[in-house]
Amino acid sequence: METLASGYGLVRDLYIATQDNTEDPARGGTLFRVRVDVPGLPPPRATV
């Protein structure tokens, strides 16, 4: 696993990015999306 990130809106989509694929090297890096039951927190508002 390389990166985890949540989607926008209800933040119920979890994105998982891999750097390589050891089961199928021809695929290279892969992006997975999983819908989760418990939403994540929205990102905090930035203040400058």
N, C-alpha and C. Protein backbone atom coordinates (compact mmCIF):
# COMPACT_ATOMS: atom_id res chain seq x y z
N MET A 1 0.84 -1.16 0.00
CA MET A 1 0.00 0.00 0.00
C MET A 1 0.89 1.23 0.00
N GLU A 2 0.54 2.20 -0.79
CA GLU A 2 1.32 3.42 -0.91
C GLU A 2 0.58 4.60 -0.28
N THR A 3 -0.71 4.77 -0.58
CA THR A 3 -1.45 5.94 -0.12
C THR A 3 -2.89 5.59 0.21
N LEU A 4 -3.43 6.22 1.25
CA LEU A 4 -4.86 6.15 1.59
C LEU A 4 -5.43 7.55 1.51
N ALA A 5 -6.62 7.69 0.95
CA ALA A 5 -7.29 8.99 0.89
C ALA A 5 -8.79 8.76 0.87
N SER A 6 -9.53 9.69 1.43
CA SER A 6 -10.99 9.58 1.39
C SER A 6 -11.54 10.50 0.31
N GLY A 7 -12.74 10.15 -0.18
CA GLY A 7 -13.37 10.94 -1.24
C GLY A 7 -14.07 12.17 -0.70
N TYR A 8 -14.63 12.94 -1.59
CA TYR A 8 -15.33 14.16 -1.22
C TYR A 8 -16.80 13.86 -0.97
N GLY A 9 -17.55 14.85 -0.56
CA GLY A 9 -18.98 14.66 -0.32
C GLY A 9 -19.20 14.02 1.03
N LEU A 10 -19.79 12.85 1.05
CA LEU A 10 -20.07 12.15 2.30
C LEU A 10 -18.84 11.48 2.89
N VAL A 11 -17.75 11.50 2.18
CA VAL A 11 -16.47 10.93 2.61
C VAL A 11 -16.64 9.45 2.95
N ARG A 12 -17.40 8.74 2.14
CA ARG A 12 -17.62 7.31 2.36
C ARG A 12 -16.81 6.46 1.39
N ASP A 13 -16.10 7.09 0.48
CA ASP A 13 -15.25 6.35 -0.46
C ASP A 13 -13.81 6.43 0.03
N LEU A 14 -13.19 5.27 0.16
CA LEU A 14 -11.79 5.19 0.57
C LEU A 14 -10.99 4.76 -0.65
N TYR A 15 -9.99 5.54 -1.00
CA TYR A 15 -9.14 5.24 -2.15
C TYR A 15 -7.80 4.72 -1.65
N ILE A 16 -7.35 3.63 -2.25
CA ILE A 16 -6.08 3.01 -1.88
C ILE A 16 -5.24 2.91 -3.14
N ALA A 17 -4.08 3.55 -3.12
CA ALA A 17 -3.18 3.53 -4.28
C ALA A 17 -1.96 2.68 -3.94
N THR A 18 -1.60 1.80 -4.87
CA THR A 18 -0.42 0.97 -4.68
C THR A 18 0.65 1.40 -5.68
N GLN A 19 1.88 1.14 -5.31
CA GLN A 19 3.00 1.51 -6.17
C GLN A 19 3.29 0.44 -7.22
N ASP A 20 3.04 -0.82 -6.85
CA ASP A 20 3.22 -1.91 -7.80
C ASP A 20 2.23 -3.02 -7.48
N ASN A 21 2.18 -4.03 -8.32
CA ASN A 21 1.26 -5.14 -8.14
C ASN A 21 2.09 -6.42 -8.23
N THR A 22 2.34 -7.06 -7.08
CA THR A 22 3.18 -8.25 -7.07
C THR A 22 2.49 -9.47 -7.66
N GLU A 23 1.14 -9.49 -7.66
CA GLU A 23 0.41 -10.62 -8.24
C GLU A 23 0.36 -10.55 -9.76
N ASP A 24 0.31 -9.33 -10.30
CA ASP A 24 0.25 -9.14 -11.75
C ASP A 24 1.12 -7.94 -12.10
N PRO A 25 2.45 -8.12 -12.23
CA PRO A 25 3.37 -7.01 -12.46
C PRO A 25 3.04 -6.17 -13.69
N ALA A 26 2.36 -6.75 -14.67
CA ALA A 26 2.01 -6.00 -15.88
C ALA A 26 1.04 -4.86 -15.58
N ARG A 27 0.29 -4.97 -14.50
CA ARG A 27 -0.66 -3.91 -14.15
C ARG A 27 0.02 -2.69 -13.55
N GLY A 28 1.20 -2.87 -12.99
CA GLY A 28 1.89 -1.75 -12.35
C GLY A 28 1.13 -1.29 -11.12
N GLY A 29 1.13 0.01 -10.86
CA GLY A 29 0.39 0.56 -9.74
C GLY A 29 -1.10 0.45 -9.98
N THR A 30 -1.86 0.34 -8.89
CA THR A 30 -3.30 0.15 -8.99
C THR A 30 -4.00 1.10 -8.04
N LEU A 31 -5.18 1.58 -8.44
CA LEU A 31 -6.02 2.42 -7.59
C LEU A 31 -7.29 1.65 -7.28
N PHE A 32 -7.55 1.45 -5.99
CA PHE A 32 -8.76 0.75 -5.54
C PHE A 32 -9.69 1.76 -4.88
N ARG A 33 -11.00 1.54 -5.01
CA ARG A 33 -11.98 2.36 -4.31
C ARG A 33 -12.90 1.43 -3.55
N VAL A 34 -13.10 1.72 -2.26
CA VAL A 34 -13.95 0.91 -1.40
C VAL A 34 -14.97 1.84 -0.74
N ARG A 35 -16.23 1.46 -0.74
CA ARG A 35 -17.27 2.21 -0.03
C ARG A 35 -17.31 1.69 1.40
N VAL A 36 -17.16 2.57 2.39
CA VAL A 36 -17.12 2.16 3.80
C VAL A 36 -18.44 2.53 4.48
N ASP A 37 -18.75 1.79 5.57
CA ASP A 37 -20.00 2.03 6.31
C ASP A 37 -19.94 3.29 7.15
N VAL A 38 -18.77 3.56 7.73
CA VAL A 38 -18.61 4.71 8.60
C VAL A 38 -17.87 5.80 7.86
N PRO A 39 -18.49 6.97 7.64
CA PRO A 39 -17.81 8.03 6.89
C PRO A 39 -16.63 8.59 7.67
N GLY A 40 -15.66 9.06 6.92
CA GLY A 40 -14.51 9.73 7.54
C GLY A 40 -14.86 11.18 7.84
N LEU A 41 -13.94 11.88 8.43
CA LEU A 41 -14.14 13.29 8.74
C LEU A 41 -13.79 14.15 7.53
N PRO A 42 -14.55 15.22 7.30
CA PRO A 42 -14.18 16.12 6.21
C PRO A 42 -12.88 16.83 6.56
N PRO A 43 -12.11 17.23 5.56
CA PRO A 43 -10.87 17.95 5.86
C PRO A 43 -11.16 19.28 6.52
N PRO A 44 -10.32 19.70 7.46
CA PRO A 44 -10.55 20.98 8.13
C PRO A 44 -10.35 22.14 7.18
N ARG A 45 -11.05 23.22 7.42
CA ARG A 45 -10.89 24.43 6.61
C ARG A 45 -9.55 25.07 6.91
N ALA A 46 -8.87 25.47 5.87
CA ALA A 46 -7.58 26.12 6.05
C ALA A 46 -7.81 27.60 6.37
N THR A 47 -7.02 28.11 7.27
CA THR A 47 -7.07 29.54 7.57
C THR A 47 -5.69 30.12 7.29
N VAL A 48 -5.71 31.29 6.72
CA VAL A 48 -4.44 31.93 6.38
C VAL A 48 -4.30 33.21 7.16
